[in-house]
PDB file of all heavy atoms in Angstrom:
ATOM      1  N   LEU A   1       8.729  31.458 -24.703  1.00  0.00           N
ATOM      2  CA  LEU A   1       7.792  31.030 -25.746  1.00  0.00           C
ATOM      3  C   LEU A   1       7.386  29.571 -25.574  1.00  0.00           C
ATOM      4  O   LEU A   1       6.224  29.217 -25.767  1.00  0.00           O
ATOM      5  CB  LEU A   1       8.391  31.269 -27.129  1.00  0.00           C
ATOM      6  CG  LEU A   1       8.478  32.736 -27.550  1.00  0.00           C
ATOM      7  CD1 LEU A   1       9.346  32.896 -28.786  1.00  0.00           C
ATOM      8  CD2 LEU A   1       7.093  33.310 -27.781  1.00  0.00           C
ATOM      9  N   LYS A   2       8.339  28.718 -25.181  1.00  0.00           N
ATOM     10  CA  LYS A   2       8.009  27.302 -24.944  1.00  0.00           C
ATOM     11  C   LYS A   2       7.066  27.156 -23.758  1.00  0.00           C
ATOM     12  O   LYS A   2       6.126  26.361 -23.800  1.00  0.00           O
ATOM     13  CB  LYS A   2       9.289  26.504 -24.694  1.00  0.00           C
ATOM     14  CG  LYS A   2      10.097  26.224 -25.926  1.00  0.00           C
ATOM     15  CD  LYS A   2      11.331  25.414 -25.560  1.00  0.00           C
ATOM     16  CE  LYS A   2      12.191  25.110 -26.750  1.00  0.00           C
ATOM     17  NZ  LYS A   2      13.376  24.315 -26.378  1.00  0.00           N
ATOM     18  N   VAL A   3       7.310  27.897 -22.689  1.00  0.00           N
ATOM     19  CA  VAL A   3       6.447  27.836 -21.499  1.00  0.00           C
ATOM     20  C   VAL A   3       5.044  28.330 -21.844  1.00  0.00           C
ATOM     21  O   VAL A   3       4.050  27.752 -21.419  1.00  0.00           O
ATOM     22  CB  VAL A   3       7.073  28.644 -20.337  1.00  0.00           C
ATOM     23  CG1 VAL A   3       6.107  28.787 -19.179  1.00  0.00           C
ATOM     24  CG2 VAL A   3       8.362  27.977 -19.870  1.00  0.00           C
ATOM     25  N   ILE A   4       4.967  29.386 -22.646  1.00  0.00           N
ATOM     26  CA  ILE A   4       3.662  29.886 -23.103  1.00  0.00           C
ATOM     27  C   ILE A   4       2.959  28.817 -23.938  1.00  0.00           C
ATOM     28  O   ILE A   4       1.770  28.554 -23.755  1.00  0.00           O
ATOM     29  CB  ILE A   4       3.832  31.195 -23.900  1.00  0.00           C
ATOM     30  CG1 ILE A   4       4.189  32.340 -22.957  1.00  0.00           C
ATOM     31  CG2 ILE A   4       2.576  31.519 -24.706  1.00  0.00           C
ATOM     32  CD1 ILE A   4       4.583  33.632 -23.649  1.00  0.00           C
ATOM     33  N   GLU A   5       3.705  28.185 -24.834  1.00  0.00           N
ATOM     34  CA  GLU A   5       3.141  27.147 -25.688  1.00  0.00           C
ATOM     35  C   GLU A   5       2.602  25.970 -24.861  1.00  0.00           C
ATOM     36  O   GLU A   5       1.564  25.404 -25.172  1.00  0.00           O
ATOM     37  CB  GLU A   5       4.215  26.658 -26.661  1.00  0.00           C
ATOM     38  CG  GLU A   5       3.771  25.569 -27.603  1.00  0.00           C
ATOM     39  CD  GLU A   5       4.899  25.132 -28.528  1.00  0.00           C
ATOM     40  OE1 GLU A   5       6.039  24.949 -28.064  1.00  0.00           O
ATOM     41  OE2 GLU A   5       4.624  24.967 -29.718  1.00  0.00           O
ATOM     42  N   GLU A   6       3.301  25.639 -23.777  1.00  0.00           N
ATOM     43  CA  GLU A   6       2.889  24.531 -22.909  1.00  0.00           C
ATOM     44  C   GLU A   6       1.792  24.941 -21.925  1.00  0.00           C
ATOM     45  O   GLU A   6       1.287  24.105 -21.183  1.00  0.00           O
ATOM     46  CB  GLU A   6       4.099  24.003 -22.143  1.00  0.00           C
ATOM     47  CG  GLU A   6       5.133  23.366 -23.049  1.00  0.00           C
ATOM     48  CD  GLU A   6       6.481  23.161 -22.359  1.00  0.00           C
ATOM     49  OE1 GLU A   6       6.617  23.509 -21.159  1.00  0.00           O
ATOM     50  OE2 GLU A   6       7.400  22.665 -23.024  1.00  0.00           O
ATOM     51  N   LYS A   7       1.468  26.236 -21.897  1.00  0.00           N
ATOM     52  CA  LYS A   7       0.453  26.792 -20.997  1.00  0.00           C
ATOM     53  C   LYS A   7       0.763  26.521 -19.531  1.00  0.00           C
ATOM     54  O   LYS A   7      -0.126  26.286 -18.722  1.00  0.00           O
ATOM     55  CB  LYS A   7      -0.942  26.274 -21.356  1.00  0.00           C
ATOM     56  CG  LYS A   7      -1.404  26.684 -22.717  1.00  0.00           C
ATOM     57  CD  LYS A   7      -2.798  26.177 -23.005  1.00  0.00           C
ATOM     58  CE  LYS A   7      -3.150  26.494 -24.441  1.00  0.00           C
ATOM     59  NZ  LYS A   7      -4.350  25.834 -24.867  1.00  0.00           N
ATOM     60  N   ASP A   8       2.047  26.555 -19.175  1.00  0.00           N
ATOM     61  CA  ASP A   8       2.479  26.336 -17.796  1.00  0.00           C
ATOM     62  C   ASP A   8       2.487  27.678 -17.072  1.00  0.00           C
ATOM     63  O   ASP A   8       3.519  28.346 -16.957  1.00  0.00           O
ATOM     64  CB  ASP A   8       3.872  25.693 -17.778  1.00  0.00           C
ATOM     65  CG  ASP A   8       4.295  25.228 -16.400  1.00  0.00           C
ATOM     66  OD1 ASP A   8       3.692  25.694 -15.404  1.00  0.00           O
ATOM     67  OD2 ASP A   8       5.223  24.407 -16.325  1.00  0.00           O
ATOM     68  N   LEU A   9       1.318  28.073 -16.575  1.00  0.00           N
ATOM     69  CA  LEU A   9       1.167  29.389 -15.960  1.00  0.00           C
ATOM     70  C   LEU A   9       1.957  29.514 -14.665  1.00  0.00           C
ATOM     71  O   LEU A   9       2.467  30.588 -14.350  1.00  0.00           O
ATOM     72  CB  LEU A   9      -0.306  29.677 -15.701  1.00  0.00           C
ATOM     73  CG  LEU A   9      -1.152  29.812 -16.958  1.00  0.00           C
ATOM     74  CD1 LEU A   9      -2.628  29.902 -16.613  1.00  0.00           C
ATOM     75  CD2 LEU A   9      -0.720  31.022 -17.759  1.00  0.00           C
ATOM     76  N   GLU A  10       2.064  28.434 -13.922  1.00  0.00           N
ATOM     77  CA  GLU A  10       2.823  28.478 -12.670  1.00  0.00           C
ATOM     78  C   GLU A  10       4.289  28.811 -12.943  1.00  0.00           C
ATOM     79  O   GLU A  10       4.864  29.699 -12.325  1.00  0.00           O
ATOM     80  CB  GLU A  10       2.711  27.138 -11.940  1.00  0.00           C
ATOM     81  CG  GLU A  10       3.378  27.143 -10.584  1.00  0.00           C
ATOM     82  CD  GLU A  10       3.247  25.808  -9.869  1.00  0.00           C
ATOM     83  OE1 GLU A  10       2.205  25.143  -9.990  1.00  0.00           O
ATOM     84  OE2 GLU A  10       4.229  25.437  -9.198  1.00  0.00           O
ATOM     85  N   LEU A  11       4.881  28.118 -13.900  1.00  0.00           N
ATOM     86  CA  LEU A  11       6.272  28.382 -14.256  1.00  0.00           C
ATOM     87  C   LEU A  11       6.421  29.764 -14.894  1.00  0.00           C
ATOM     88  O   LEU A  11       7.357  30.499 -14.581  1.00  0.00           O
ATOM     89  CB  LEU A  11       6.799  27.306 -15.210  1.00  0.00           C
ATOM     90  CG  LEU A  11       8.232  27.471 -15.709  1.00  0.00           C
ATOM     91  CD1 LEU A  11       9.214  27.559 -14.548  1.00  0.00           C
ATOM     92  CD2 LEU A  11       8.607  26.315 -16.637  1.00  0.00           C
ATOM     93  N   LEU A  12       5.496  30.144 -15.746  1.00  0.00           N
ATOM     94  CA  LEU A  12       5.554  31.447 -16.403  1.00  0.00           C
ATOM     95  C   LEU A  12       5.568  32.572 -15.375  1.00  0.00           C
ATOM     96  O   LEU A  12       6.313  33.544 -15.513  1.00  0.00           O
ATOM     97  CB  LEU A  12       4.367  31.608 -17.362  1.00  0.00           C
ATOM     98  CG  LEU A  12       4.378  32.827 -18.270  1.00  0.00           C
ATOM     99  CD1 LEU A  12       5.591  32.825 -19.191  1.00  0.00           C
ATOM    100  CD2 LEU A  12       3.104  32.877 -19.096  1.00  0.00           C
ATOM    101  N   GLY A  13       4.779  32.433 -14.328  1.00  0.00           N
ATOM    102  CA  GLY A  13       4.720  33.449 -13.279  1.00  0.00           C
ATOM    103  C   GLY A  13       5.982  33.531 -12.445  1.00  0.00           C
ATOM    104  O   GLY A  13       6.266  34.564 -11.847  1.00  0.00           O
ATOM    105  N   ARG A  14       6.759  32.463 -12.397  1.00  0.00           N
ATOM    106  CA  ARG A  14       7.992  32.426 -11.593  1.00  0.00           C
ATOM    107  C   ARG A  14       9.239  32.794 -12.381  1.00  0.00           C
ATOM    108  O   ARG A  14      10.286  33.026 -11.784  1.00  0.00           O
ATOM    109  CB  ARG A  14       8.196  31.027 -11.015  1.00  0.00           C
ATOM    110  CG  ARG A  14       7.250  30.637  -9.930  1.00  0.00           C
ATOM    111  CD  ARG A  14       7.695  29.356  -9.251  1.00  0.00           C
ATOM    112  NE  ARG A  14       8.292  28.414 -10.174  1.00  0.00           N
ATOM    113  CZ  ARG A  14       7.822  27.209 -10.453  1.00  0.00           C
ATOM    114  NH1 ARG A  14       6.746  26.784  -9.870  1.00  0.00           N
ATOM    115  NH2 ARG A  14       8.435  26.422 -11.304  1.00  0.00           N
ATOM    116  N   LEU A  15       9.157  32.801 -13.695  1.00  0.00           N
ATOM    117  CA  LEU A  15      10.352  33.031 -14.502  1.00  0.00           C
ATOM    118  C   LEU A  15      10.966  34.398 -14.244  1.00  0.00           C
ATOM    119  O   LEU A  15      10.268  35.397 -14.140  1.00  0.00           O
ATOM    120  CB  LEU A  15      10.032  32.917 -15.992  1.00  0.00           C
ATOM    121  CG  LEU A  15       9.815  31.521 -16.556  1.00  0.00           C
ATOM    122  CD1 LEU A  15       9.473  31.610 -18.038  1.00  0.00           C
ATOM    123  CD2 LEU A  15      11.044  30.654 -16.372  1.00  0.00           C
ATOM    124  N   LYS A  16      12.281  34.419 -14.159  1.00  0.00           N
ATOM    125  CA  LYS A  16      13.043  35.659 -14.047  1.00  0.00           C
ATOM    126  C   LYS A  16      13.783  35.840 -15.367  1.00  0.00           C
ATOM    127  O   LYS A  16      14.355  34.903 -15.900  1.00  0.00           O
ATOM    128  CB  LYS A  16      14.056  35.582 -12.901  1.00  0.00           C
ATOM    129  CG  LYS A  16      13.451  35.240 -11.566  1.00  0.00           C
ATOM    130  CD  LYS A  16      12.743  36.424 -10.982  1.00  0.00           C
ATOM    131  CE  LYS A  16      12.292  36.082  -9.569  1.00  0.00           C
ATOM    132  NZ  LYS A  16      10.984  36.514  -9.263  1.00  0.00           N
ATOM    133  N   PHE A  17      13.750  37.048 -15.884  1.00  0.00           N
ATOM    134  CA  PHE A  17      14.403  37.289 -17.166  1.00  0.00           C
ATOM    135  C   PHE A  17      14.830  38.746 -17.251  1.00  0.00           C
ATOM    136  O   PHE A  17      14.359  39.602 -16.508  1.00  0.00           O
ATOM    137  CB  PHE A  17      13.495  36.921 -18.332  1.00  0.00           C
ATOM    138  CG  PHE A  17      12.102  37.450 -18.202  1.00  0.00           C
ATOM    139  CD1 PHE A  17      11.779  38.734 -18.611  1.00  0.00           C
ATOM    140  CD2 PHE A  17      11.107  36.665 -17.634  1.00  0.00           C
ATOM    141  CE1 PHE A  17      10.504  39.225 -18.476  1.00  0.00           C
ATOM    142  CE2 PHE A  17       9.824  37.150 -17.496  1.00  0.00           C
ATOM    143  CZ  PHE A  17       9.523  38.436 -17.914  1.00  0.00           C
ATOM    144  N   LYS A  18      15.728  39.002 -18.172  1.00  0.00           N
ATOM    145  CA  LYS A  18      16.244  40.353 -18.383  1.00  0.00           C
ATOM    146  C   LYS A  18      15.205  41.194 -19.129  1.00  0.00           C
ATOM    147  O   LYS A  18      14.417  40.655 -19.907  1.00  0.00           O
ATOM    148  CB  LYS A  18      17.538  40.278 -19.196  1.00  0.00           C
ATOM    149  CG  LYS A  18      18.635  39.525 -18.492  1.00  0.00           C
ATOM    150  CD  LYS A  18      19.854  39.394 -19.380  1.00  0.00           C
ATOM    151  CE  LYS A  18      20.899  38.529 -18.692  1.00  0.00           C
ATOM    152  NZ  LYS A  18      22.026  38.238 -19.553  1.00  0.00           N
ATOM    153  N   PRO A  19      15.225  42.519 -18.928  1.00  0.00           N
ATOM    154  CA  PRO A  19      14.247  43.395 -19.608  1.00  0.00           C
ATOM    155  C   PRO A  19      14.295  43.292 -21.136  1.00  0.00           C
ATOM    156  O   PRO A  19      13.269  43.434 -21.798  1.00  0.00           O
ATOM    157  CB  PRO A  19      14.646  44.803 -19.163  1.00  0.00           C
ATOM    158  CG  PRO A  19      15.422  44.599 -17.908  1.00  0.00           C
ATOM    159  CD  PRO A  19      16.070  43.251 -18.009  1.00  0.00           C
ATOM    160  N   GLU A  20      15.471  43.014 -21.695  1.00  0.00           N
ATOM    161  CA  GLU A  20      15.557  42.919 -23.159  1.00  0.00           C
ATOM    162  C   GLU A  20      14.777  41.726 -23.716  1.00  0.00           C
ATOM    163  O   GLU A  20      14.444  41.699 -24.898  1.00  0.00           O
ATOM    164  CB  GLU A  20      17.002  42.912 -23.658  1.00  0.00           C
ATOM    165  CG  GLU A  20      17.910  41.919 -23.045  1.00  0.00           C
ATOM    166  CD  GLU A  20      18.687  42.438 -21.830  1.00  0.00           C
ATOM    167  OE1 GLU A  20      18.363  43.488 -21.265  1.00  0.00           O
ATOM    168  OE2 GLU A  20      19.624  41.756 -21.433  1.00  0.00           O
ATOM    169  N   VAL A  21      14.467  40.746 -22.860  1.00  0.00           N
ATOM    170  CA  VAL A  21      13.669  39.600 -23.308  1.00  0.00           C
ATOM    171  C   VAL A  21      12.261  40.055 -23.682  1.00  0.00           C
ATOM    172  O   VAL A  21      11.710  39.625 -24.696  1.00  0.00           O
ATOM    173  CB  VAL A  21      13.646  38.486 -22.234  1.00  0.00           C
ATOM    174  CG1 VAL A  21      12.631  37.418 -22.566  1.00  0.00           C
ATOM    175  CG2 VAL A  21      15.026  37.875 -22.084  1.00  0.00           C
ATOM    176  N   LEU A  22      11.675  40.943 -22.877  1.00  0.00           N
ATOM    177  CA  LEU A  22      10.344  41.467 -23.215  1.00  0.00           C
ATOM    178  C   LEU A  22      10.384  42.259 -24.512  1.00  0.00           C
ATOM    179  O   LEU A  22       9.447  42.189 -25.307  1.00  0.00           O
ATOM    180  CB  LEU A  22       9.798  42.343 -22.084  1.00  0.00           C
ATOM    181  CG  LEU A  22       9.281  41.603 -20.856  1.00  0.00           C
ATOM    182  CD1 LEU A  22       8.754  42.589 -19.832  1.00  0.00           C
ATOM    183  CD2 LEU A  22       8.217  40.589 -21.216  1.00  0.00           C
ATOM    184  N   LYS A  23      11.467  42.981 -24.735  1.00  0.00           N
ATOM    185  CA  LYS A  23      11.614  43.711 -25.996  1.00  0.00           C
ATOM    186  C   LYS A  23      11.668  42.736 -27.171  1.00  0.00           C
ATOM    187  O   LYS A  23      11.052  42.960 -28.202  1.00  0.00           O
ATOM    188  CB  LYS A  23      12.870  44.578 -25.971  1.00  0.00           C
ATOM    189  CG  LYS A  23      12.768  45.757 -25.054  1.00  0.00           C
ATOM    190  CD  LYS A  23      14.065  46.549 -25.047  1.00  0.00           C
ATOM    191  CE  LYS A  23      14.018  47.631 -23.985  1.00  0.00           C
ATOM    192  NZ  LYS A  23      15.300  48.328 -23.849  1.00  0.00           N
ATOM    193  N   GLU A  24      12.417  41.649 -26.995  1.00  0.00           N
ATOM    194  CA  GLU A  24      12.499  40.636 -28.054  1.00  0.00           C
ATOM    195  C   GLU A  24      11.147  39.992 -28.306  1.00  0.00           C
ATOM    196  O   GLU A  24      10.763  39.773 -29.453  1.00  0.00           O
ATOM    197  CB  GLU A  24      13.520  39.558 -27.664  1.00  0.00           C
ATOM    198  CG  GLU A  24      14.663  39.476 -28.586  1.00  0.00           C
ATOM    199  CD  GLU A  24      15.694  38.435 -28.185  1.00  0.00           C
ATOM    200  OE1 GLU A  24      15.391  37.440 -27.500  1.00  0.00           O
ATOM    201  OE2 GLU A  24      16.832  38.634 -28.603  1.00  0.00           O
ATOM    202  N   LEU A  25      10.419  39.684 -27.232  1.00  0.00           N
ATOM    203  CA  LEU A  25       9.082  39.108 -27.383  1.00  0.00           C
ATOM    204  C   LEU A  25       8.166  40.052 -28.156  1.00  0.00           C
ATOM    205  O   LEU A  25       7.392  39.624 -29.008  1.00  0.00           O
ATOM    206  CB  LEU A  25       8.472  38.795 -26.019  1.00  0.00           C
ATOM    207  CG  LEU A  25       8.964  37.546 -25.324  1.00  0.00           C
ATOM    208  CD1 LEU A  25       8.459  37.506 -23.888  1.00  0.00           C
ATOM    209  CD2 LEU A  25       8.557  36.299 -26.076  1.00  0.00           C
ATOM    210  N   LYS A  26       8.280  41.336 -27.862  1.00  0.00           N
ATOM    211  CA  LYS A  26       7.456  42.322 -28.564  1.00  0.00           C
ATOM    212  C   LYS A  26       7.795  42.357 -30.048  1.00  0.00           C
ATOM    213  O   LYS A  26       6.902  42.366 -30.900  1.00  0.00           O
ATOM    214  CB  LYS A  26       7.664  43.704 -27.941  1.00  0.00           C
ATOM    215  CG  LYS A  26       6.777  44.768 -28.521  1.00  0.00           C
ATOM    216  CD  LYS A  26       6.968  46.087 -27.787  1.00  0.00           C
ATOM    217  CE  LYS A  26       6.014  47.121 -28.328  1.00  0.00           C
ATOM    218  NZ  LYS A  26       6.120  48.378 -27.582  1.00  0.00           N
ATOM    219  N   VAL A  27       9.083  42.337 -30.367  1.00  0.00           N
ATOM    220  CA  VAL A  27       9.520  42.351 -31.770  1.00  0.00           C
ATOM    221  C   VAL A  27       9.007  41.111 -32.495  1.00  0.00           C
ATOM    222  O   VAL A  27       8.460  41.193 -33.602  1.00  0.00           O
ATOM    223  CB  VAL A  27      11.059  42.450 -31.864  1.00  0.00           C
ATOM    224  CG1 VAL A  27      11.551  42.170 -33.273  1.00  0.00           C
ATOM    225  CG2 VAL A  27      11.533  43.814 -31.394  1.00  0.00           C
ATOM    226  N   ILE A  28       9.162  39.950 -31.869  1.00  0.00           N
ATOM    227  CA  ILE A  28       8.727  38.691 -32.480  1.00  0.00           C
ATOM    228  C   ILE A  28       7.216  38.694 -32.698  1.00  0.00           C
ATOM    229  O   ILE A  28       6.730  38.335 -33.774  1.00  0.00           O
ATOM    230  CB  ILE A  28       9.140  37.490 -31.605  1.00  0.00           C
ATOM    231  CG1 ILE A  28      10.649  37.318 -31.651  1.00  0.00           C
ATOM    232  CG2 ILE A  28       8.443  36.212 -32.040  1.00  0.00           C
ATOM    233  CD1 ILE A  28      11.166  36.373 -30.603  1.00  0.00           C
ATOM    234  N   SER A  29       6.471  39.097 -31.679  1.00  0.00           N
ATOM    235  CA  SER A  29       5.006  39.122 -31.792  1.00  0.00           C
ATOM    236  C   SER A  29       4.547  40.053 -32.898  1.00  0.00           C
ATOM    237  O   SER A  29       3.692  39.698 -33.708  1.00  0.00           O
ATOM    238  CB  SER A  29       4.377  39.551 -30.468  1.00  0.00           C
ATOM    239  OG  SER A  29       4.701  38.645 -29.460  1.00  0.00           O
ATOM    240  N   ASN A  30       5.115  41.256 -32.928  1.00  0.00           N
ATOM    241  CA  ASN A  30       4.730  42.219 -33.971  1.00  0.00           C
ATOM    242  C   ASN A  30       5.110  41.717 -35.354  1.00  0.00           C
ATOM    243  O   ASN A  30       4.334  41.845 -36.308  1.00  0.00           O
ATOM    244  CB  ASN A  30       5.369  43.585 -33.708  1.00  0.00           C
ATOM    245  CG  ASN A  30       4.745  44.284 -32.522  1.00  0.00           C
ATOM    246  OD1 ASN A  30       3.627  43.996 -32.135  1.00  0.00           O
ATOM    247  ND2 ASN A  30       5.490  45.192 -31.933  1.00  0.00           N
ATOM    248  N   TYR A  31       6.285  41.147 -35.473  1.00  0.00           N
ATOM    249  CA  TYR A  31       6.753  40.602 -36.749  1.00  0.00           C
ATOM    250  C   TYR A  31       5.815  39.503 -37.239  1.00  0.00           C
ATOM    251  O   TYR A  31       5.366  39.511 -38.383  1.00  0.00           O
ATOM    252  CB  TYR A  31       8.174  40.071 -36.571  1.00  0.00           C
ATOM    253  CG  TYR A  31       8.784  39.463 -37.802  1.00  0.00           C
ATOM    254  CD1 TYR A  31       9.287  40.253 -38.827  1.00  0.00           C
ATOM    255  CD2 TYR A  31       8.897  38.082 -37.921  1.00  0.00           C
ATOM    256  CE1 TYR A  31       9.873  39.698 -39.955  1.00  0.00           C
ATOM    257  CE2 TYR A  31       9.485  37.516 -39.048  1.00  0.00           C
ATOM    258  CZ  TYR A  31       9.962  38.326 -40.051  1.00  0.00           C
ATOM    259  OH  TYR A  31      10.532  37.764 -41.166  1.00  0.00           O
ATOM    260  N   TYR A  32       5.488  38.570 -36.345  1.00  0.00           N
ATOM    261  CA  TYR A  32       4.635  37.454 -36.746  1.00  0.00           C
ATOM    262  C   TYR A  32       3.204  37.924 -37.019  1.00  0.00           C
ATOM    263  O   TYR A  32       2.564  37.451 -37.956  1.00  0.00           O
ATOM    264  CB  TYR A  32       4.651  36.336 -35.707  1.00  0.00           C
ATOM    265  CG  TYR A  32       3.953  35.100 -36.215  1.00  0.00           C
ATOM    266  CD1 TYR A  32       4.523  34.352 -37.237  1.00  0.00           C
ATOM    267  CD2 TYR A  32       2.730  34.707 -35.719  1.00  0.00           C
ATOM    268  CE1 TYR A  32       3.877  33.226 -37.740  1.00  0.00           C
ATOM    269  CE2 TYR A  32       2.080  33.588 -36.214  1.00  0.00           C
ATOM    270  CZ  TYR A  32       2.662  32.852 -37.219  1.00  0.00           C
ATOM    271  OH  TYR A  32       2.016  31.756 -37.721  1.00  0.00           O
ATOM    272  N   LEU A  33       2.712  38.854 -36.232  1.00  0.00           N
ATOM    273  CA  LEU A  33       1.362  39.367 -36.459  1.00  0.00           C
ATOM    274  C   LEU A  33       1.264  40.051 -37.824  1.00  0.00           C
ATOM    275  O   LEU A  33       0.309  39.828 -38.566  1.00  0.00           O
ATOM    276  CB  LEU A  33       0.970  40.345 -35.348  1.00  0.00           C
ATOM    277  CG  LEU A  33      -0.419  40.954 -35.455  1.00  0.00           C
ATOM    278  CD1 LEU A  33      -1.506  39.890 -35.439  1.00  0.00           C
ATOM    279  CD2 LEU A  33      -0.640  41.948 -34.326  1.00  0.00           C
ATOM    280  N   ASN A  34       2.262  40.860 -38.161  1.00  0.00           N
ATOM    281  CA  ASN A  34       2.258  41.519 -39.478  1.00  0.00           C
ATOM    282  C   ASN A  34       2.349  40.499 -40.599  1.00  0.00           C
ATOM    283  O   ASN A  34       1.681  40.632 -41.624  1.00  0.00           O
ATOM    284  CB  ASN A  34       3.401  42.534 -39.573  1.00  0.00           C
ATOM    285  CG  ASN A  34       3.134  43.748 -38.728  1.00  0.00           C
ATOM    286  OD1 ASN A  34       1.993  44.141 -38.524  1.00  0.00           O
ATOM    287  ND2 ASN A  34       4.182  44.352 -38.203  1.00  0.00           N
ATOM    288  N   PHE A  35       3.164  39.475 -40.419  1.00  0.00           N
ATOM    289  CA  PHE A  35       3.256  38.403 -41.410  1.00  0.00           C
ATOM    290  C   PHE A  35       1.905  37.702 -41.575  1.00  0.00           C
ATOM    291  O   PHE A  35       1.430  37.499 -42.686  1.00  0.00           O
ATOM    292  CB  PHE A  35       4.327  37.388 -40.996  1.00  0.00           C
ATOM    293  CG  PHE A  35       4.238  36.088 -41.734  1.00  0.00           C
ATOM    294  CD1 PHE A  35       4.672  35.981 -43.046  1.00  0.00           C
ATOM    295  CD2 PHE A  35       3.707  34.966 -41.118  1.00  0.00           C
ATOM    296  CE1 PHE A  35       4.572  34.783 -43.731  1.00  0.00           C
ATOM    297  CE2 PHE A  35       3.607  33.758 -41.796  1.00  0.00           C
ATOM    298  CZ  PHE A  35       4.043  33.677 -43.107  1.00  0.00           C
ATOM    299  N   ALA A  36       1.275  37.360 -40.449  1.00  0.00           N
ATOM    300  CA  ALA A  36      -0.001  36.648 -40.499  1.00  0.00           C
ATOM    301  C   ALA A  36      -1.094  37.503 -41.147  1.00  0.00           C
ATOM    302  O   ALA A  36      -1.886  37.000 -41.939  1.00  0.00           O
ATOM    303  CB  ALA A  36      -0.412  36.234 -39.091  1.00  0.00           C
ATOM    304  N   LYS A  37      -1.095  38.785 -40.851  1.00  0.00           N
ATOM    305  CA  LYS A  37      -2.090  39.678 -41.463  1.00  0.00           C
ATOM    306  C   LYS A  37      -1.936  39.697 -42.976  1.00  0.00           C
ATOM    307  O   LYS A  37      -2.916  39.610 -43.715  1.00  0.00           O
ATOM    308  CB  LYS A  37      -1.911  41.102 -40.926  1.00  0.00           C
ATOM    309  CG  LYS A  37      -2.482  41.362 -39.584  1.00  0.00           C
ATOM    310  CD  LYS A  37      -2.279  42.853 -39.303  1.00  0.00           C
ATOM    311  CE  LYS A  37      -2.470  43.242 -37.914  1.00  0.00           C
ATOM    312  NZ  LYS A  37      -2.173  44.672 -37.699  1.00  0.00           N
ATOM    313  N   ARG A  38      -0.700  39.835 -43.432  1.00  0.00           N
ATOM    314  CA  ARG A  38      -0.457  39.882 -44.885  1.00  0.00           C
ATOM    315  C   ARG A  38      -0.797  38.561 -45.550  1.00  0.00           C
ATOM    316  O   ARG A  38      -1.439  38.525 -46.588  1.00  0.00           O
ATOM    317  CB  ARG A  38       1.000  40.236 -45.166  1.00  0.00           C
ATOM    318  CG  ARG A  38       1.348  41.675 -44.973  1.00  0.00           C
ATOM    319  CD  ARG A  38       2.734  42.020 -45.504  1.00  0.00           C
ATOM    320  NE  ARG A  38       3.771  41.079 -45.154  1.00  0.00           N
ATOM    321  CZ  ARG A  38       4.513  41.122 -44.044  1.00  0.00           C
ATOM    322  NH1 ARG A  38       4.322  42.081 -43.177  1.00  0.00           N
ATOM    323  NH2 ARG A  38       5.449  40.224 -43.823  1.00  0.00           N
TER     324      ARG A  38
END
C-alpha cells in the first residue's frame, strides 16, 4: 500500500509477496470502497 501510494511502479513490479497478501488487499479495498460509498 505504501509503494502504491508513492507510485513507485518499478518497485511495485519487483515486489515478492505471499498469495494471502493479495487476499488482504482485496478485503481492504472492498471494505474501504463500501465505506466510501455509504
